[in-house]
Amino acid sequence: GFFALETTTTATGDGYVMTPLSGILFVL
């Protein structure tokens, strides 16, 4: 689930965005 997160770049630096797959894996 962690590896399924999407990386995003903002003004404050890099971050992660939840994807449907990562959300399902975290719930499981």
mmCIF file of all heavy atoms, coordinates in Angstrom:
data_MODEL
# 
_entry.id   MODEL 
# 
loop_
_atom_site.group_PDB 
_atom_site.id 
_atom_site.type_symbol 
_atom_site.label_atom_id 
_atom_site.label_alt_id 
_atom_site.label_comp_id 
_atom_site.label_asym_id 
_atom_site.label_entity_id 
_atom_site.label_seq_id 
_atom_site.pdbx_PDB_ins_code 
_atom_site.Cartn_x 
_atom_site.Cartn_y 
_atom_site.Cartn_z 
_atom_site.occupancy 
_atom_site.B_iso_or_equiv 
_atom_site.pdbx_formal_charge 
_atom_site.auth_seq_id 
_atom_site.auth_comp_id 
_atom_site.auth_asym_id 
_atom_site.auth_atom_id 
_atom_site.pdbx_PDB_model_num 
ATOM 1   N N   . GLY A 1 1  ? 0.819   -1.212 0.000  1.00 0.00 ? 1  GLY A N   1 
ATOM 2   C CA  . GLY A 1 1  ? 0.000   0.000  0.000  1.00 0.00 ? 1  GLY A CA  1 
ATOM 3   C C   . GLY A 1 1  ? 0.846   1.253  0.000  1.00 0.00 ? 1  GLY A C   1 
ATOM 4   O O   . GLY A 1 1  ? 0.515   2.247  -0.662 1.00 0.00 ? 1  GLY A O   1 
ATOM 5   N N   . PHE A 1 2  ? 1.964   1.209  0.714  1.00 0.00 ? 2  PHE A N   1 
ATOM 6   C CA  . PHE A 1 2  ? 2.867   2.358  0.732  1.00 0.00 ? 2  PHE A CA  1 
ATOM 7   C C   . PHE A 1 2  ? 3.472   2.586  -0.654 1.00 0.00 ? 2  PHE A C   1 
ATOM 8   O O   . PHE A 1 2  ? 3.563   3.722  -1.138 1.00 0.00 ? 2  PHE A O   1 
ATOM 9   C CB  . PHE A 1 2  ? 3.972   2.139  1.766  1.00 0.00 ? 2  PHE A CB  1 
ATOM 10  C CG  . PHE A 1 2  ? 5.014   3.219  1.782  1.00 0.00 ? 2  PHE A CG  1 
ATOM 11  C CD1 . PHE A 1 2  ? 4.761   4.435  2.400  1.00 0.00 ? 2  PHE A CD1 1 
ATOM 12  C CD2 . PHE A 1 2  ? 6.242   3.024  1.170  1.00 0.00 ? 2  PHE A CD2 1 
ATOM 13  C CE1 . PHE A 1 2  ? 5.721   5.443  2.409  1.00 0.00 ? 2  PHE A CE1 1 
ATOM 14  C CE2 . PHE A 1 2  ? 7.201   4.022  1.170  1.00 0.00 ? 2  PHE A CE2 1 
ATOM 15  C CZ  . PHE A 1 2  ? 6.942   5.235  1.800  1.00 0.00 ? 2  PHE A CZ  1 
ATOM 16  N N   . PHE A 1 3  ? 3.881   1.516  -1.298 1.00 0.00 ? 3  PHE A N   1 
ATOM 17  C CA  . PHE A 1 3  ? 4.471   1.650  -2.632 1.00 0.00 ? 3  PHE A CA  1 
ATOM 18  C C   . PHE A 1 3  ? 3.436   2.053  -3.681 1.00 0.00 ? 3  PHE A C   1 
ATOM 19  O O   . PHE A 1 3  ? 3.798   2.541  -4.758 1.00 0.00 ? 3  PHE A O   1 
ATOM 20  C CB  . PHE A 1 3  ? 5.154   0.350  -3.041 1.00 0.00 ? 3  PHE A CB  1 
ATOM 21  C CG  . PHE A 1 3  ? 6.443   0.088  -2.320 1.00 0.00 ? 3  PHE A CG  1 
ATOM 22  C CD1 . PHE A 1 3  ? 6.555   -0.963 -1.423 1.00 0.00 ? 3  PHE A CD1 1 
ATOM 23  C CD2 . PHE A 1 3  ? 7.543   0.914  -2.509 1.00 0.00 ? 3  PHE A CD2 1 
ATOM 24  C CE1 . PHE A 1 3  ? 7.746   -1.199 -0.746 1.00 0.00 ? 3  PHE A CE1 1 
ATOM 25  C CE2 . PHE A 1 3  ? 8.737   0.683  -1.842 1.00 0.00 ? 3  PHE A CE2 1 
ATOM 26  C CZ  . PHE A 1 3  ? 8.839   -0.376 -0.955 1.00 0.00 ? 3  PHE A CZ  1 
ATOM 27  N N   . ALA A 1 4  ? 2.144   1.833  -3.358 1.00 0.00 ? 4  ALA A N   1 
ATOM 28  C CA  . ALA A 1 4  ? 1.087   2.208  -4.299 1.00 0.00 ? 4  ALA A CA  1 
ATOM 29  C C   . ALA A 1 4  ? 0.708   3.683  -4.196 1.00 0.00 ? 4  ALA A C   1 
ATOM 30  O O   . ALA A 1 4  ? -0.078  4.185  -5.008 1.00 0.00 ? 4  ALA A O   1 
ATOM 31  C CB  . ALA A 1 4  ? -0.158  1.343  -4.061 1.00 0.00 ? 4  ALA A CB  1 
ATOM 32  N N   . LEU A 1 5  ? 1.254   4.395  -3.204 1.00 0.00 ? 5  LEU A N   1 
ATOM 33  C CA  . LEU A 1 5  ? 0.984   5.822  -3.076 1.00 0.00 ? 5  LEU A CA  1 
ATOM 34  C C   . LEU A 1 5  ? 1.599   6.577  -4.250 1.00 0.00 ? 5  LEU A C   1 
ATOM 35  O O   . LEU A 1 5  ? 2.640   6.193  -4.792 1.00 0.00 ? 5  LEU A O   1 
ATOM 36  C CB  . LEU A 1 5  ? 1.568   6.362  -1.769 1.00 0.00 ? 5  LEU A CB  1 
ATOM 37  C CG  . LEU A 1 5  ? 0.944   5.863  -0.462 1.00 0.00 ? 5  LEU A CG  1 
ATOM 38  C CD1 . LEU A 1 5  ? 1.773   6.330  0.724  1.00 0.00 ? 5  LEU A CD1 1 
ATOM 39  C CD2 . LEU A 1 5  ? -0.493  6.339  -0.334 1.00 0.00 ? 5  LEU A CD2 1 
ATOM 40  N N   . GLU A 1 6  ? 0.950   7.665  -4.640 1.00 0.00 ? 6  GLU A N   1 
ATOM 41  C CA  . GLU A 1 6  ? 1.479   8.502  -5.711 1.00 0.00 ? 6  GLU A CA  1 
ATOM 42  C C   . GLU A 1 6  ? 2.299   9.642  -5.108 1.00 0.00 ? 6  GLU A C   1 
ATOM 43  O O   . GLU A 1 6  ? 1.906   10.248 -4.110 1.00 0.00 ? 6  GLU A O   1 
ATOM 44  C CB  . GLU A 1 6  ? 0.346   9.072  -6.558 1.00 0.00 ? 6  GLU A CB  1 
ATOM 45  C CG  . GLU A 1 6  ? -0.321  8.054  -7.464 1.00 0.00 ? 6  GLU A CG  1 
ATOM 46  C CD  . GLU A 1 6  ? -1.350  8.701  -8.377 1.00 0.00 ? 6  GLU A CD  1 
ATOM 47  O OE1 . GLU A 1 6  ? -1.605  9.915  -8.217 1.00 0.00 ? 6  GLU A OE1 1 
ATOM 48  O OE2 . GLU A 1 6  ? -1.897  7.994  -9.237 1.00 0.00 ? 6  GLU A OE2 1 
ATOM 49  N N   . THR A 1 7  ? 3.428   9.914  -5.707 1.00 0.00 ? 7  THR A N   1 
ATOM 50  C CA  . THR A 1 7  ? 4.277   11.010 -5.253 1.00 0.00 ? 7  THR A CA  1 
ATOM 51  C C   . THR A 1 7  ? 3.826   12.303 -5.917 1.00 0.00 ? 7  THR A C   1 
ATOM 52  O O   . THR A 1 7  ? 3.560   12.340 -7.120 1.00 0.00 ? 7  THR A O   1 
ATOM 53  C CB  . THR A 1 7  ? 5.753   10.740 -5.604 1.00 0.00 ? 7  THR A CB  1 
ATOM 54  O OG1 . THR A 1 7  ? 6.133   9.484  -5.046 1.00 0.00 ? 7  THR A OG1 1 
ATOM 55  C CG2 . THR A 1 7  ? 6.643   11.828 -5.030 1.00 0.00 ? 7  THR A CG2 1 
ATOM 56  N N   . THR A 1 8  ? 3.733   13.354 -5.117 1.00 0.00 ? 8  THR A N   1 
ATOM 57  C CA  . THR A 1 8  ? 3.337   14.656 -5.651 1.00 0.00 ? 8  THR A CA  1 
ATOM 58  C C   . THR A 1 8  ? 4.318   15.709 -5.161 1.00 0.00 ? 8  THR A C   1 
ATOM 59  O O   . THR A 1 8  ? 4.886   15.587 -4.071 1.00 0.00 ? 8  THR A O   1 
ATOM 60  C CB  . THR A 1 8  ? 1.905   15.022 -5.210 1.00 0.00 ? 8  THR A CB  1 
ATOM 61  O OG1 . THR A 1 8  ? 1.554   16.290 -5.765 1.00 0.00 ? 8  THR A OG1 1 
ATOM 62  C CG2 . THR A 1 8  ? 1.791   15.109 -3.694 1.00 0.00 ? 8  THR A CG2 1 
ATOM 63  N N   . THR A 1 9  ? 4.519   16.729 -5.961 1.00 0.00 ? 9  THR A N   1 
ATOM 64  C CA  . THR A 1 9  ? 5.433   17.817 -5.615 1.00 0.00 ? 9  THR A CA  1 
ATOM 65  C C   . THR A 1 9  ? 4.635   19.100 -5.416 1.00 0.00 ? 9  THR A C   1 
ATOM 66  O O   . THR A 1 9  ? 3.846   19.499 -6.281 1.00 0.00 ? 9  THR A O   1 
ATOM 67  C CB  . THR A 1 9  ? 6.484   18.026 -6.720 1.00 0.00 ? 9  THR A CB  1 
ATOM 68  O OG1 . THR A 1 9  ? 7.203   16.811 -6.919 1.00 0.00 ? 9  THR A OG1 1 
ATOM 69  C CG2 . THR A 1 9  ? 7.460   19.125 -6.312 1.00 0.00 ? 9  THR A CG2 1 
ATOM 70  N N   . THR A 1 10 ? 4.827   19.719 -4.259 1.00 0.00 ? 10 THR A N   1 
ATOM 71  C CA  . THR A 1 10 ? 4.153   20.978 -3.944 1.00 0.00 ? 10 THR A CA  1 
ATOM 72  C C   . THR A 1 10 ? 5.208   22.029 -3.609 1.00 0.00 ? 10 THR A C   1 
ATOM 73  O O   . THR A 1 10 ? 6.410   21.768 -3.644 1.00 0.00 ? 10 THR A O   1 
ATOM 74  C CB  . THR A 1 10 ? 3.193   20.797 -2.749 1.00 0.00 ? 10 THR A CB  1 
ATOM 75  O OG1 . THR A 1 10 ? 3.963   20.443 -1.587 1.00 0.00 ? 10 THR A OG1 1 
ATOM 76  C CG2 . THR A 1 10 ? 2.179   19.706 -3.026 1.00 0.00 ? 10 THR A CG2 1 
ATOM 77  N N   . ALA A 1 11 ? 4.730   23.221 -3.236 1.00 0.00 ? 11 ALA A N   1 
ATOM 78  C CA  . ALA A 1 11 ? 5.644   24.304 -2.892 1.00 0.00 ? 11 ALA A CA  1 
ATOM 79  C C   . ALA A 1 11 ? 6.452   23.985 -1.643 1.00 0.00 ? 11 ALA A C   1 
ATOM 80  O O   . ALA A 1 11 ? 7.554   24.507 -1.448 1.00 0.00 ? 11 ALA A O   1 
ATOM 81  C CB  . ALA A 1 11 ? 4.862   25.609 -2.698 1.00 0.00 ? 11 ALA A CB  1 
ATOM 82  N N   . THR A 1 12 ? 5.900   23.140 -0.795 1.00 0.00 ? 12 THR A N   1 
ATOM 83  C CA  . THR A 1 12 ? 6.585   22.792 0.457  1.00 0.00 ? 12 THR A CA  1 
ATOM 84  C C   . THR A 1 12 ? 7.462   21.555 0.321  1.00 0.00 ? 12 THR A C   1 
ATOM 85  O O   . THR A 1 12 ? 8.123   21.158 1.269  1.00 0.00 ? 12 THR A O   1 
ATOM 86  C CB  . THR A 1 12 ? 5.557   22.553 1.581  1.00 0.00 ? 12 THR A CB  1 
ATOM 87  O OG1 . THR A 1 12 ? 4.647   21.522 1.175  1.00 0.00 ? 12 THR A OG1 1 
ATOM 88  C CG2 . THR A 1 12 ? 4.777   23.828 1.861  1.00 0.00 ? 12 THR A CG2 1 
ATOM 89  N N   . GLY A 1 13 ? 7.447   20.933 -0.847 1.00 0.00 ? 13 GLY A N   1 
ATOM 90  C CA  . GLY A 1 13 ? 8.288   19.754 -1.050 1.00 0.00 ? 13 GLY A CA  1 
ATOM 91  C C   . GLY A 1 13 ? 7.489   18.578 -1.575 1.00 0.00 ? 13 GLY A C   1 
ATOM 92  O O   . GLY A 1 13 ? 6.317   18.701 -1.964 1.00 0.00 ? 13 GLY A O   1 
ATOM 93  N N   . ASP A 1 14 ? 8.114   17.430 -1.602 1.00 0.00 ? 14 ASP A N   1 
ATOM 94  C CA  . ASP A 1 14 ? 7.464   16.219 -2.085 1.00 0.00 ? 14 ASP A CA  1 
ATOM 95  C C   . ASP A 1 14 ? 6.509   15.657 -1.040 1.00 0.00 ? 14 ASP A C   1 
ATOM 96  O O   . ASP A 1 14 ? 6.736   15.776 0.169  1.00 0.00 ? 14 ASP A O   1 
ATOM 97  C CB  . ASP A 1 14 ? 8.502   15.154 -2.437 1.00 0.00 ? 14 ASP A CB  1 
ATOM 98  C CG  . ASP A 1 14 ? 9.352   15.562 -3.642 1.00 0.00 ? 14 ASP A CG  1 
ATOM 99  O OD1 . ASP A 1 14 ? 8.867   16.379 -4.442 1.00 0.00 ? 14 ASP A OD1 1 
ATOM 100 O OD2 . ASP A 1 14 ? 10.493  15.063 -3.757 1.00 0.00 ? 14 ASP A OD2 1 
ATOM 101 N N   . GLY A 1 15 ? 5.449   15.038 -1.528 1.00 0.00 ? 15 GLY A N   1 
ATOM 102 C CA  . GLY A 1 15 ? 4.486   14.413 -0.633 1.00 0.00 ? 15 GLY A CA  1 
ATOM 103 C C   . GLY A 1 15 ? 3.887   13.186 -1.289 1.00 0.00 ? 15 GLY A C   1 
ATOM 104 O O   . GLY A 1 15 ? 4.294   12.773 -2.380 1.00 0.00 ? 15 GLY A O   1 
ATOM 105 N N   . TYR A 1 16 ? 2.917   12.580 -0.606 1.00 0.00 ? 16 TYR A N   1 
ATOM 106 C CA  . TYR A 1 16 ? 2.284   11.366 -1.125 1.00 0.00 ? 16 TYR A CA  1 
ATOM 107 C C   . TYR A 1 16 ? 0.778   11.570 -1.171 1.00 0.00 ? 16 TYR A C   1 
ATOM 108 O O   . TYR A 1 16 ? 0.190   12.233 -0.304 1.00 0.00 ? 16 TYR A O   1 
ATOM 109 C CB  . TYR A 1 16 ? 2.610   10.165 -0.239 1.00 0.00 ? 16 TYR A CB  1 
ATOM 110 C CG  . TYR A 1 16 ? 4.086   9.805  -0.230 1.00 0.00 ? 16 TYR A CG  1 
ATOM 111 C CD1 . TYR A 1 16 ? 4.924   10.257 0.776  1.00 0.00 ? 16 TYR A CD1 1 
ATOM 112 C CD2 . TYR A 1 16 ? 4.619   9.029  -1.254 1.00 0.00 ? 16 TYR A CD2 1 
ATOM 113 C CE1 . TYR A 1 16 ? 6.273   9.936  0.775  1.00 0.00 ? 16 TYR A CE1 1 
ATOM 114 C CE2 . TYR A 1 16 ? 5.963   8.696  -1.269 1.00 0.00 ? 16 TYR A CE2 1 
ATOM 115 C CZ  . TYR A 1 16 ? 6.781   9.157  -0.248 1.00 0.00 ? 16 TYR A CZ  1 
ATOM 116 O OH  . TYR A 1 16 ? 8.120   8.845  -0.255 1.00 0.00 ? 16 TYR A OH  1 
ATOM 117 N N   . VAL A 1 17 ? 0.167   10.992 -2.183 1.00 0.00 ? 17 VAL A N   1 
ATOM 118 C CA  . VAL A 1 17 ? -1.277  11.067 -2.356 1.00 0.00 ? 17 VAL A CA  1 
ATOM 119 C C   . VAL A 1 17 ? -1.845  9.650  -2.346 1.00 0.00 ? 17 VAL A C   1 
ATOM 120 O O   . VAL A 1 17 ? -1.310  8.748  -3.003 1.00 0.00 ? 17 VAL A O   1 
ATOM 121 C CB  . VAL A 1 17 ? -1.638  11.765 -3.691 1.00 0.00 ? 17 VAL A CB  1 
ATOM 122 C CG1 . VAL A 1 17 ? -3.151  11.748 -3.900 1.00 0.00 ? 17 VAL A CG1 1 
ATOM 123 C CG2 . VAL A 1 17 ? -1.113  13.184 -3.697 1.00 0.00 ? 17 VAL A CG2 1 
ATOM 124 N N   . MET A 1 18 ? -2.920  9.478  -1.595 1.00 0.00 ? 18 MET A N   1 
ATOM 125 C CA  . MET A 1 18 ? -3.570  8.171  -1.521 1.00 0.00 ? 18 MET A CA  1 
ATOM 126 C C   . MET A 1 18 ? -4.224  7.832  -2.855 1.00 0.00 ? 18 MET A C   1 
ATOM 127 O O   . MET A 1 18 ? -4.886  8.652  -3.470 1.00 0.00 ? 18 MET A O   1 
ATOM 128 C CB  . MET A 1 18 ? -4.632  8.180  -0.412 1.00 0.00 ? 18 MET A CB  1 
ATOM 129 C CG  . MET A 1 18 ? -5.273  6.838  -0.151 1.00 0.00 ? 18 MET A CG  1 
ATOM 130 S SD  . MET A 1 18 ? -4.243  5.779  0.890  1.00 0.00 ? 18 MET A SD  1 
ATOM 131 C CE  . MET A 1 18 ? -4.389  6.616  2.468  1.00 0.00 ? 18 MET A CE  1 
ATOM 132 N N   . THR A 1 19 ? -4.013  6.613  -3.297 1.00 0.00 ? 19 THR A N   1 
ATOM 133 C CA  . THR A 1 19 ? -4.662  6.108  -4.506 1.00 0.00 ? 19 THR A CA  1 
ATOM 134 C C   . THR A 1 19 ? -5.722  5.084  -4.102 1.00 0.00 ? 19 THR A C   1 
ATOM 135 O O   . THR A 1 19 ? -5.702  4.591  -2.964 1.00 0.00 ? 19 THR A O   1 
ATOM 136 C CB  . THR A 1 19 ? -3.639  5.437  -5.439 1.00 0.00 ? 19 THR A CB  1 
ATOM 137 O OG1 . THR A 1 19 ? -3.094  4.285  -4.769 1.00 0.00 ? 19 THR A OG1 1 
ATOM 138 C CG2 . THR A 1 19 ? -2.512  6.400  -5.782 1.00 0.00 ? 19 THR A CG2 1 
ATOM 139 N N   . PRO A 1 20 ? -6.659  4.766  -4.985 1.00 0.00 ? 20 PRO A N   1 
ATOM 140 C CA  . PRO A 1 20 ? -7.658  3.744  -4.629 1.00 0.00 ? 20 PRO A CA  1 
ATOM 141 C C   . PRO A 1 20 ? -7.022  2.422  -4.208 1.00 0.00 ? 20 PRO A C   1 
ATOM 142 O O   . PRO A 1 20 ? -7.461  1.794  -3.247 1.00 0.00 ? 20 PRO A O   1 
ATOM 143 C CB  . PRO A 1 20 ? -8.467  3.587  -5.920 1.00 0.00 ? 20 PRO A CB  1 
ATOM 144 C CG  . PRO A 1 20 ? -8.354  4.919  -6.593 1.00 0.00 ? 20 PRO A CG  1 
ATOM 145 C CD  . PRO A 1 20 ? -6.965  5.394  -6.285 1.00 0.00 ? 20 PRO A CD  1 
ATOM 146 N N   . LEU A 1 21 ? -5.960  2.019  -4.912 1.00 0.00 ? 21 LEU A N   1 
ATOM 147 C CA  . LEU A 1 21 ? -5.299  0.754  -4.575 1.00 0.00 ? 21 LEU A CA  1 
ATOM 148 C C   . LEU A 1 21 ? -4.642  0.815  -3.206 1.00 0.00 ? 21 LEU A C   1 
ATOM 149 O O   . LEU A 1 21 ? -4.788  -0.114 -2.399 1.00 0.00 ? 21 LEU A O   1 
ATOM 150 C CB  . LEU A 1 21 ? -4.247  0.414  -5.635 1.00 0.00 ? 21 LEU A CB  1 
ATOM 151 C CG  . LEU A 1 21 ? -3.417  -0.858 -5.377 1.00 0.00 ? 21 LEU A CG  1 
ATOM 152 C CD1 . LEU A 1 21 ? -4.329  -2.070 -5.267 1.00 0.00 ? 21 LEU A CD1 1 
ATOM 153 C CD2 . LEU A 1 21 ? -2.368  -1.044 -6.468 1.00 0.00 ? 21 LEU A CD2 1 
ATOM 154 N N   . SER A 1 22 ? -3.941  1.910  -2.932 1.00 0.00 ? 22 SER A N   1 
ATOM 155 C CA  . SER A 1 22 ? -3.291  2.018  -1.630 1.00 0.00 ? 22 SER A CA  1 
ATOM 156 C C   . SER A 1 22 ? -4.325  2.091  -0.509 1.00 0.00 ? 22 SER A C   1 
ATOM 157 O O   . SER A 1 22 ? -4.131  1.525  0.569  1.00 0.00 ? 22 SER A O   1 
ATOM 158 C CB  . SER A 1 22 ? -2.376  3.250  -1.587 1.00 0.00 ? 22 SER A CB  1 
ATOM 159 O OG  . SER A 1 22 ? -3.118  4.437  -1.768 1.00 0.00 ? 22 SER A OG  1 
ATOM 160 N N   . GLY A 1 23 ? -5.443  2.774  -0.764 1.00 0.00 ? 23 GLY A N   1 
ATOM 161 C CA  . GLY A 1 23 ? -6.496  2.848  0.245  1.00 0.00 ? 23 GLY A CA  1 
ATOM 162 C C   . GLY A 1 23 ? -7.065  1.482  0.577  1.00 0.00 ? 23 GLY A C   1 
ATOM 163 O O   . GLY A 1 23 ? -7.260  1.137  1.740  1.00 0.00 ? 23 GLY A O   1 
ATOM 164 N N   . ILE A 1 24 ? -7.310  0.693  -0.469 1.00 0.00 ? 24 ILE A N   1 
ATOM 165 C CA  . ILE A 1 24 ? -7.833  -0.667 -0.266 1.00 0.00 ? 24 ILE A CA  1 
ATOM 166 C C   . ILE A 1 24 ? -6.834  -1.517 0.516  1.00 0.00 ? 24 ILE A C   1 
ATOM 167 O O   . ILE A 1 24 ? -7.201  -2.246 1.445  1.00 0.00 ? 24 ILE A O   1 
ATOM 168 C CB  . ILE A 1 24 ? -8.156  -1.323 -1.620 1.00 0.00 ? 24 ILE A CB  1 
ATOM 169 C CG1 . ILE A 1 24 ? -9.358  -0.624 -2.275 1.00 0.00 ? 24 ILE A CG1 1 
ATOM 170 C CG2 . ILE A 1 24 ? -8.452  -2.812 -1.444 1.00 0.00 ? 24 ILE A CG2 1 
ATOM 171 C CD1 . ILE A 1 24 ? -9.619  -1.068 -3.697 1.00 0.00 ? 24 ILE A CD1 1 
ATOM 172 N N   . LEU A 1 25 ? -5.558  -1.413 0.155  1.00 0.00 ? 25 LEU A N   1 
ATOM 173 C CA  . LEU A 1 25 ? -4.527  -2.208 0.832  1.00 0.00 ? 25 LEU A CA  1 
ATOM 174 C C   . LEU A 1 25 ? -4.389  -1.804 2.293  1.00 0.00 ? 25 LEU A C   1 
ATOM 175 O O   . LEU A 1 25 ? -4.215  -2.659 3.175  1.00 0.00 ? 25 LEU A O   1 
ATOM 176 C CB  . LEU A 1 25 ? -3.196  -2.055 0.103  1.00 0.00 ? 25 LEU A CB  1 
ATOM 177 C CG  . LEU A 1 25 ? -3.104  -2.742 -1.262 1.00 0.00 ? 25 LEU A CG  1 
ATOM 178 C CD1 . LEU A 1 25 ? -1.822  -2.351 -1.989 1.00 0.00 ? 25 LEU A CD1 1 
ATOM 179 C CD2 . LEU A 1 25 ? -3.185  -4.265 -1.109 1.00 0.00 ? 25 LEU A CD2 1 
ATOM 180 N N   . PHE A 1 26 ? -4.468  -0.504 2.585  1.00 0.00 ? 26 PHE A N   1 
ATOM 181 C CA  . PHE A 1 26 ? -4.365  -0.050 3.972  1.00 0.00 ? 26 PHE A CA  1 
ATOM 182 C C   . PHE A 1 26 ? -5.564  -0.527 4.799  1.00 0.00 ? 26 PHE A C   1 
ATOM 183 O O   . PHE A 1 26 ? -5.427  -0.897 5.967  1.00 0.00 ? 26 PHE A O   1 
ATOM 184 C CB  . PHE A 1 26 ? -4.243  1.474  4.034  1.00 0.00 ? 26 PHE A CB  1 
ATOM 185 C CG  . PHE A 1 26 ? -2.896  1.995  3.629  1.00 0.00 ? 26 PHE A CG  1 
ATOM 186 C CD1 . PHE A 1 26 ? -2.780  3.160  2.888  1.00 0.00 ? 26 PHE A CD1 1 
ATOM 187 C CD2 . PHE A 1 26 ? -1.741  1.312  3.979  1.00 0.00 ? 26 PHE A CD2 1 
ATOM 188 C CE1 . PHE A 1 26 ? -1.541  3.642  2.509  1.00 0.00 ? 26 PHE A CE1 1 
ATOM 189 C CE2 . PHE A 1 26 ? -0.486  1.779  3.608  1.00 0.00 ? 26 PHE A CE2 1 
ATOM 190 C CZ  . PHE A 1 26 ? -0.385  2.952  2.863  1.00 0.00 ? 26 PHE A CZ  1 
ATOM 191 N N   . VAL A 1 27 ? -6.748  -0.503 4.183  1.00 0.00 ? 27 VAL A N   1 
ATOM 192 C CA  . VAL A 1 27 ? -7.937  -1.005 4.889  1.00 0.00 ? 27 VAL A CA  1 
ATOM 193 C C   . VAL A 1 27 ? -7.791  -2.502 5.162  1.00 0.00 ? 27 VAL A C   1 
ATOM 194 O O   . VAL A 1 27 ? -8.093  -2.970 6.272  1.00 0.00 ? 27 VAL A O   1 
ATOM 195 C CB  . VAL A 1 27 ? -9.209  -0.722 4.057  1.00 0.00 ? 27 VAL A CB  1 
ATOM 196 C CG1 . VAL A 1 27 ? -10.403 -1.496 4.624  1.00 0.00 ? 27 VAL A CG1 1 
ATOM 197 C CG2 . VAL A 1 27 ? -9.516  0.768  4.058  1.00 0.00 ? 27 VAL A CG2 1 
ATOM 198 N N   . LEU A 1 28 ? -7.329  -3.246 4.161  1.00 0.00 ? 28 LEU A N   1 
ATOM 199 C CA  . LEU A 1 28 ? -7.119  -4.684 4.352  1.00 0.00 ? 28 LEU A CA  1 
ATOM 200 C C   . LEU A 1 28 ? -6.083  -4.945 5.447  1.00 0.00 ? 28 LEU A C   1 
ATOM 201 O O   . LEU A 1 28 ? -6.241  -5.880 6.243  1.00 0.00 ? 28 LEU A O   1 
ATOM 202 C CB  . LEU A 1 28 ? -6.664  -5.327 3.041  1.00 0.00 ? 28 LEU A CB  1 
ATOM 203 C CG  . LEU A 1 28 ? -7.718  -5.451 1.940  1.00 0.00 ? 28 LEU A CG  1 
ATOM 204 C CD1 . LEU A 1 28 ? -7.093  -5.984 0.659  1.00 0.00 ? 28 LEU A CD1 1 
ATOM 205 C CD2 . LEU A 1 28 ? -8.861  -6.359 2.393  1.00 0.00 ? 28 LEU A CD2 1 
# 
